Amino acid sequence: MLHSRSFNFTWEFGGGLLWEYHSRHWIEAGYRFHHLSNMDTADENPGLDANLIYVGWQRMFGRS
């Protein structure tokens, strides 16, 4: 990787769902595609692609 760059670009897209299962409590799940590369601005482009599946939990604190 002698002819690559340390400056990289990134982009991502995806989607998901947010489900309120109780007042002020949510579960989220989704998919995201992530790409990282130098966009061929150098002789070598050791890009990285990743497929991400995520699940999370949210809770709102305080008064609504």
PDB file of N, CA and C in Angstrom:
ATOM      1  N   MET A   1       0.829  -1.190   0.000  1.00  0.00           N
ATOM      2  CA  MET A   1       0.000   0.000   0.000  1.00  0.00           C
ATOM      3  C   MET A   1       0.867   1.246   0.000  1.00  0.00           C
ATOM      4  N   LEU A   2       1.933   1.217  -0.708  1.00  0.00           N
ATOM      5  CA  LEU A   2       2.814   2.375  -0.775  1.00  0.00           C
ATOM      6  C   LEU A   2       2.232   3.499  -1.604  1.00  0.00           C
ATOM      7  N   HIS A   3       1.323   3.177  -2.525  1.00  0.00           N
ATOM      8  CA  HIS A   3       0.800   4.187  -3.423  1.00  0.00           C
ATOM      9  C   HIS A   3      -0.667   4.507  -3.163  1.00  0.00           C
ATOM     10  N   SER A   4      -1.106   4.312  -1.943  1.00  0.00           N
ATOM     11  CA  SER A   4      -2.475   4.675  -1.579  1.00  0.00           C
ATOM     12  C   SER A   4      -2.444   5.976  -0.780  1.00  0.00           C
ATOM     13  N   ARG A   5      -3.599   6.481  -0.442  1.00  0.00           N
ATOM     14  CA  ARG A   5      -3.704   7.736   0.316  1.00  0.00           C
ATOM     15  C   ARG A   5      -4.281   7.468   1.700  1.00  0.00           C
ATOM     16  N   SER A   6      -3.938   8.336   2.627  1.00  0.00           N
ATOM     17  CA  SER A   6      -4.521   8.216   3.965  1.00  0.00           C
ATOM     18  C   SER A   6      -5.842   8.968   4.064  1.00  0.00           C
ATOM     19  N   PHE A   7      -6.142   9.840   3.092  1.00  0.00           N
ATOM     20  CA  PHE A   7      -7.412  10.562   3.078  1.00  0.00           C
ATOM     21  C   PHE A   7      -8.442   9.706   2.366  1.00  0.00           C
ATOM     22  N   ASN A   8      -9.578   9.437   3.012  1.00  0.00           N
ATOM     23  CA  ASN A   8     -10.596   8.572   2.451  1.00  0.00           C
ATOM     24  C   ASN A   8     -11.957   9.239   2.459  1.00  0.00           C
ATOM     25  N   PHE A   9     -12.834   8.707   1.647  1.00  0.00           N
ATOM     26  CA  PHE A   9     -14.221   9.134   1.562  1.00  0.00           C
ATOM     27  C   PHE A   9     -15.092   7.986   2.049  1.00  0.00           C
ATOM     28  N   THR A  10     -16.269   8.329   2.544  1.00  0.00           N
ATOM     29  CA  THR A  10     -17.187   7.297   3.009  1.00  0.00           C
ATOM     30  C   THR A  10     -18.606   7.662   2.605  1.00  0.00           C
ATOM     31  N   TRP A  11     -19.399   6.660   2.318  1.00  0.00           N
ATOM     32  CA  TRP A  11     -20.830   6.857   2.104  1.00  0.00           C
ATOM     33  C   TRP A  11     -21.555   5.615   2.570  1.00  0.00           C
ATOM     34  N   GLU A  12     -22.817   5.827   2.916  1.00  0.00           N
ATOM     35  CA  GLU A  12     -23.616   4.718   3.420  1.00  0.00           C
ATOM     36  C   GLU A  12     -25.088   4.971   3.140  1.00  0.00           C
ATOM     37  N   PHE A  13     -25.834   3.904   3.066  1.00  0.00           N
ATOM     38  CA  PHE A  13     -27.281   4.006   2.935  1.00  0.00           C
ATOM     39  C   PHE A  13     -27.907   2.807   3.628  1.00  0.00           C
ATOM     40  N   GLY A  14     -29.171   2.933   3.926  1.00  0.00           N
ATOM     41  CA  GLY A  14     -29.863   1.837   4.589  1.00  0.00           C
ATOM     42  C   GLY A  14     -31.229   2.272   5.056  1.00  0.00           C
ATOM     43  N   GLY A  15     -31.823   1.455   5.875  1.00  0.00           N
ATOM     44  CA  GLY A  15     -33.137   1.755   6.397  1.00  0.00           C
ATOM     45  C   GLY A  15     -33.451   0.863   7.581  1.00  0.00           C
ATOM     46  N   GLY A  16     -34.508   1.215   8.275  1.00  0.00           N
ATOM     47  CA  GLY A  16     -34.865   0.419   9.436  1.00  0.00           C
ATOM     48  C   GLY A  16     -36.245   0.745   9.946  1.00  0.00           C
ATOM     49  N   LEU A  17     -36.592   0.116  11.043  1.00  0.00           N
ATOM     50  CA  LEU A  17     -37.894   0.299  11.673  1.00  0.00           C
ATOM     51  C   LEU A  17     -37.711   0.698  13.135  1.00  0.00           C
ATOM     52  N   LEU A  18     -38.631   1.506  13.605  1.00  0.00           N
ATOM     53  CA  LEU A  18     -38.659   1.917  15.006  1.00  0.00           C
ATOM     54  C   LEU A  18     -40.045   1.581  15.533  1.00  0.00           C
ATOM     55  N   TRP A  19     -40.115   0.726  16.545  1.00  0.00           N
ATOM     56  CA  TRP A  19     -41.385   0.240  17.068  1.00  0.00           C
ATOM     57  C   TRP A  19     -41.543   0.685  18.515  1.00  0.00           C
ATOM     58  N   GLU A  20     -42.607   1.445  18.798  1.00  0.00           N
ATOM     59  CA  GLU A  20     -42.906   1.860  20.174  1.00  0.00           C
ATOM     60  C   GLU A  20     -43.740   0.762  20.822  1.00  0.00           C
ATOM     61  N   TYR A  21     -43.121  -0.027  21.677  1.00  0.00           N
ATOM     62  CA  TYR A  21     -43.809  -1.143  22.303  1.00  0.00           C
ATOM     63  C   TYR A  21     -44.430  -0.777  23.641  1.00  0.00           C
ATOM     64  N   HIS A  22     -44.049   0.359  24.201  1.00  0.00           N
ATOM     65  CA  HIS A  22     -44.601   0.846  25.459  1.00  0.00           C
ATOM     66  C   HIS A  22     -44.422   2.351  25.433  1.00  0.00           C
ATOM     67  N   SER A  23     -45.183   3.061  26.232  1.00  0.00           N
ATOM     68  CA  SER A  23     -45.059   4.511  26.249  1.00  0.00           C
ATOM     69  C   SER A  23     -43.611   4.926  26.546  1.00  0.00           C
ATOM     70  N   ARG A  24     -42.989   5.649  25.596  1.00  0.00           N
ATOM     71  CA  ARG A  24     -41.624   6.189  25.703  1.00  0.00           C
ATOM     72  C   ARG A  24     -40.542   5.109  25.675  1.00  0.00           C
ATOM     73  N   HIS A  25     -40.844   3.929  25.122  1.00  0.00           N
ATOM     74  CA  HIS A  25     -39.870   2.856  24.943  1.00  0.00           C
ATOM     75  C   HIS A  25     -39.946   2.352  23.502  1.00  0.00           C
ATOM     76  N   TRP A  26     -38.793   2.246  22.824  1.00  0.00           N
ATOM     77  CA  TRP A  26     -38.755   1.828  21.433  1.00  0.00           C
ATOM     78  C   TRP A  26     -37.716   0.740  21.217  1.00  0.00           C
ATOM     79  N   ILE A  27     -37.982  -0.101  20.246  1.00  0.00           N
ATOM     80  CA  ILE A  27     -37.009  -1.068  19.741  1.00  0.00           C
ATOM     81  C   ILE A  27     -36.778  -0.703  18.279  1.00  0.00           C
ATOM     82  N   GLU A  28     -35.521  -0.691  17.868  1.00  0.00           N
ATOM     83  CA  GLU A  28     -35.202  -0.373  16.483  1.00  0.00           C
ATOM     84  C   GLU A  28     -34.385  -1.503  15.869  1.00  0.00           C
ATOM     85  N   ALA A  29     -34.560  -1.698  14.576  1.00  0.00           N
ATOM     86  CA  ALA A  29     -33.805  -2.701  13.832  1.00  0.00           C
ATOM     87  C   ALA A  29     -33.667  -2.213  12.407  1.00  0.00           C
ATOM     88  N   GLY A  30     -32.539  -2.542  11.789  1.00  0.00           N
ATOM     89  CA  GLY A  30     -32.354  -2.089  10.426  1.00  0.00           C
ATOM     90  C   GLY A  30     -31.113  -2.646   9.774  1.00  0.00           C
ATOM     91  N   TYR A  31     -30.863  -2.145   8.578  1.00  0.00           N
ATOM     92  CA  TYR A  31     -29.740  -2.558   7.747  1.00  0.00           C
ATOM     93  C   TYR A  31     -29.034  -1.310   7.234  1.00  0.00           C
ATOM     94  N   ARG A  32     -27.709  -1.373   7.124  1.00  0.00           N
ATOM     95  CA  ARG A  32     -26.929  -0.263   6.579  1.00  0.00           C
ATOM     96  C   ARG A  32     -25.770  -0.825   5.769  1.00  0.00           C
ATOM     97  N   PHE A  33     -25.574  -0.284   4.565  1.00  0.00           N
ATOM     98  CA  PHE A  33     -24.415  -0.609   3.737  1.00  0.00           C
ATOM     99  C   PHE A  33     -23.433   0.545   3.875  1.00  0.00           C
ATOM    100  N   HIS A  34     -22.170   0.245   4.142  1.00  0.00           N
ATOM    101  CA  HIS A  34     -21.135   1.253   4.375  1.00  0.00           C
ATOM    102  C   HIS A  34     -19.965   0.999   3.428  1.00  0.00           C
ATOM    103  N   HIS A  35     -19.477   2.071   2.768  1.00  0.00           N
ATOM    104  CA  HIS A  35     -18.344   1.970   1.846  1.00  0.00           C
ATOM    105  C   HIS A  35     -17.296   3.007   2.236  1.00  0.00           C
ATOM    106  N   LEU A  36     -16.034   2.588   2.249  1.00  0.00           N
ATOM    107  CA  LEU A  36     -14.903   3.462   2.572  1.00  0.00           C
ATOM    108  C   LEU A  36     -13.820   3.234   1.535  1.00  0.00           C
ATOM    109  N   SER A  37     -13.363   4.322   0.886  1.00  0.00           N
ATOM    110  CA  SER A  37     -12.288   4.212  -0.099  1.00  0.00           C
ATOM    111  C   SER A  37     -11.693   5.586  -0.362  1.00  0.00           C
ATOM    112  N   ASN A  38     -10.618   5.612  -1.170  1.00  0.00           N
ATOM    113  CA  ASN A  38     -10.028   6.900  -1.540  1.00  0.00           C
ATOM    114  C   ASN A  38     -10.569   7.390  -2.880  1.00  0.00           C
ATOM    115  N   MET A  39     -11.598   6.747  -3.412  1.00  0.00           N
ATOM    116  CA  MET A  39     -12.277   7.108  -4.658  1.00  0.00           C
ATOM    117  C   MET A  39     -11.311   7.181  -5.844  1.00  0.00           C
ATOM    118  N   ASP A  40     -10.356   6.260  -5.880  1.00  0.00           N
ATOM    119  CA  ASP A  40      -9.369   6.187  -6.971  1.00  0.00           C
ATOM    120  C   ASP A  40      -8.577   7.472  -7.160  1.00  0.00           C
ATOM    121  N   THR A  41      -8.291   8.172  -6.064  1.00  0.00           N
ATOM    122  CA  THR A  41      -7.456   9.371  -6.147  1.00  0.00           C
ATOM    123  C   THR A  41      -5.977   9.030  -6.037  1.00  0.00           C
ATOM    124  N   ALA A  42      -5.647   7.753  -5.948  1.00  0.00           N
ATOM    125  CA  ALA A  42      -4.268   7.283  -5.887  1.00  0.00           C
ATOM    126  C   ALA A  42      -4.149   6.016  -6.729  1.00  0.00           C
ATOM    127  N   ASP A  43      -2.921   5.550  -6.924  1.00  0.00           N
ATOM    128  CA  ASP A  43      -2.698   4.350  -7.727  1.00  0.00           C
ATOM    129  C   ASP A  43      -3.351   3.123  -7.109  1.00  0.00           C
ATOM    130  N   GLU A  44      -3.363   3.015  -5.803  1.00  0.00           N
ATOM    131  CA  GLU A  44      -3.994   1.897  -5.110  1.00  0.00           C
ATOM    132  C   GLU A  44      -5.225   2.392  -4.360  1.00  0.00           C
ATOM    133  N   ASN A  45      -6.251   1.563  -4.347  1.00  0.00           N
ATOM    134  CA  ASN A  45      -7.492   1.907  -3.669  1.00  0.00           C
ATOM    135  C   ASN A  45      -7.953   0.716  -2.829  1.00  0.00           C
ATOM    136  N   PRO A  46      -7.389   0.530  -1.636  1.00  0.00           N
ATOM    137  CA  PRO A  46      -7.811  -0.599  -0.782  1.00  0.00           C
ATOM    138  C   PRO A  46      -9.131  -0.282  -0.077  1.00  0.00           C
ATOM    139  N   GLY A  47     -10.223  -0.312  -0.831  1.00  0.00           N
ATOM    140  CA  GLY A  47     -11.533   0.032  -0.287  1.00  0.00           C
ATOM    141  C   GLY A  47     -12.068  -1.020   0.660  1.00  0.00           C
ATOM    142  N   LEU A  48     -13.095  -0.635   1.400  1.00  0.00           N
ATOM    143  CA  LEU A  48     -13.725  -1.521   2.371  1.00  0.00           C
ATOM    144  C   LEU A  48     -15.232  -1.364   2.246  1.00  0.00           C
ATOM    145  N   ASP A  49     -15.942  -2.474   2.100  1.00  0.00           N
ATOM    146  CA  ASP A  49     -17.398  -2.497   2.105  1.00  0.00           C
ATOM    147  C   ASP A  49     -17.870  -3.291   3.312  1.00  0.00           C
ATOM    148  N   ALA A  50     -18.956  -2.839   3.917  1.00  0.00           N
ATOM    149  CA  ALA A  50     -19.486  -3.544   5.084  1.00  0.00           C
ATOM    150  C   ALA A  50     -21.007  -3.544   5.039  1.00  0.00           C
ATOM    151  N   ASN A  51     -21.600  -4.666   5.368  1.00  0.00           N
ATOM    152  CA  ASN A  51     -23.041  -4.803   5.536  1.00  0.00           C
ATOM    153  C   ASN A  51     -23.318  -4.886   7.028  1.00  0.00           C
ATOM    154  N   LEU A  52     -24.118  -3.966   7.522  1.00  0.00           N
ATOM    155  CA  LEU A  52     -24.383  -3.898   8.960  1.00  0.00           C
ATOM    156  C   LEU A  52     -25.860  -4.159   9.234  1.00  0.00           C
ATOM    157  N   ILE A  53     -26.124  -5.031  10.163  1.00  0.00           N
ATOM    158  CA  ILE A  53     -27.475  -5.252  10.676  1.00  0.00           C
ATOM    159  C   ILE A  53     -27.453  -4.839  12.138  1.00  0.00           C
ATOM    160  N   TYR A  54     -28.387  -3.985  12.517  1.00  0.00           N
ATOM    161  CA  TYR A  54     -28.353  -3.485  13.887  1.00  0.00           C
ATOM    162  C   TYR A  54     -29.708  -3.639  14.564  1.00  0.00           C
ATOM    163  N   VAL A  55     -29.652  -3.780  15.881  1.00  0.00           N
ATOM    164  CA  VAL A  55     -30.831  -3.840  16.743  1.00  0.00           C
ATOM    165  C   VAL A  55     -30.529  -2.950  17.937  1.00  0.00           C
ATOM    166  N   GLY A  56     -31.483  -2.161  18.351  1.00  0.00           N
ATOM    167  CA  GLY A  56     -31.248  -1.263  19.475  1.00  0.00           C
ATOM    168  C   GLY A  56     -32.497  -1.042  20.304  1.00  0.00           C
ATOM    169  N   TRP A  57     -32.322  -0.374  21.409  1.00  0.00           N
ATOM    170  CA  TRP A  57     -33.392  -0.068  22.344  1.00  0.00           C
ATOM    171  C   TRP A  57     -33.262   1.390  22.746  1.00  0.00           C
ATOM    172  N   GLN A  58     -34.385   2.104  22.785  1.00  0.00           N
ATOM    173  CA  GLN A  58     -34.385   3.509  23.175  1.00  0.00           C
ATOM    174  C   GLN A  58     -35.409   3.733  24.263  1.00  0.00           C
ATOM    175  N   ARG A  59     -35.074   4.676  25.127  1.00  0.00           N
ATOM    176  CA  ARG A  59     -36.022   5.072  26.170  1.00  0.00           C
ATOM    177  C   ARG A  59     -35.922   6.574  26.331  1.00  0.00           C
ATOM    178  N   MET A  60     -37.051   7.251  26.397  1.00  0.00           N
ATOM    179  CA  MET A  60     -37.076   8.688  26.602  1.00  0.00           C
ATOM    180  C   MET A  60     -37.198   8.978  28.094  1.00  0.00           C
ATOM    181  N   PHE A  61     -36.290   9.794  28.598  1.00  0.00           N
ATOM    182  CA  PHE A  61     -36.315  10.185  30.007  1.00  0.00           C
ATOM    183  C   PHE A  61     -36.935  11.572  30.127  1.00  0.00           C
ATOM    184  N   GLY A  62     -37.434  11.889  31.286  1.00  0.00           N
ATOM    185  CA  GLY A  62     -38.002  13.202  31.532  1.00  0.00           C
ATOM    186  C   GLY A  62     -39.483  13.238  31.212  1.00  0.00           C
ATOM    187  N   ARG A  63     -40.025  14.426  31.263  1.00  0.00           N
ATOM    188  CA  ARG A  63     -41.458  14.605  30.992  1.00  0.00           C
ATOM    189  C   ARG A  63     -41.691  14.854  29.516  1.00  0.00           C
ATOM    190  N   SER A  64     -42.792  14.327  29.020  1.00  0.00           N
ATOM    191  CA  SER A  64     -43.104  14.513  27.599  1.00  0.00           C
ATOM    192  C   SER A  64     -44.015  15.708  27.400  1.00  0.00           C
TER     193      SER A  64
END
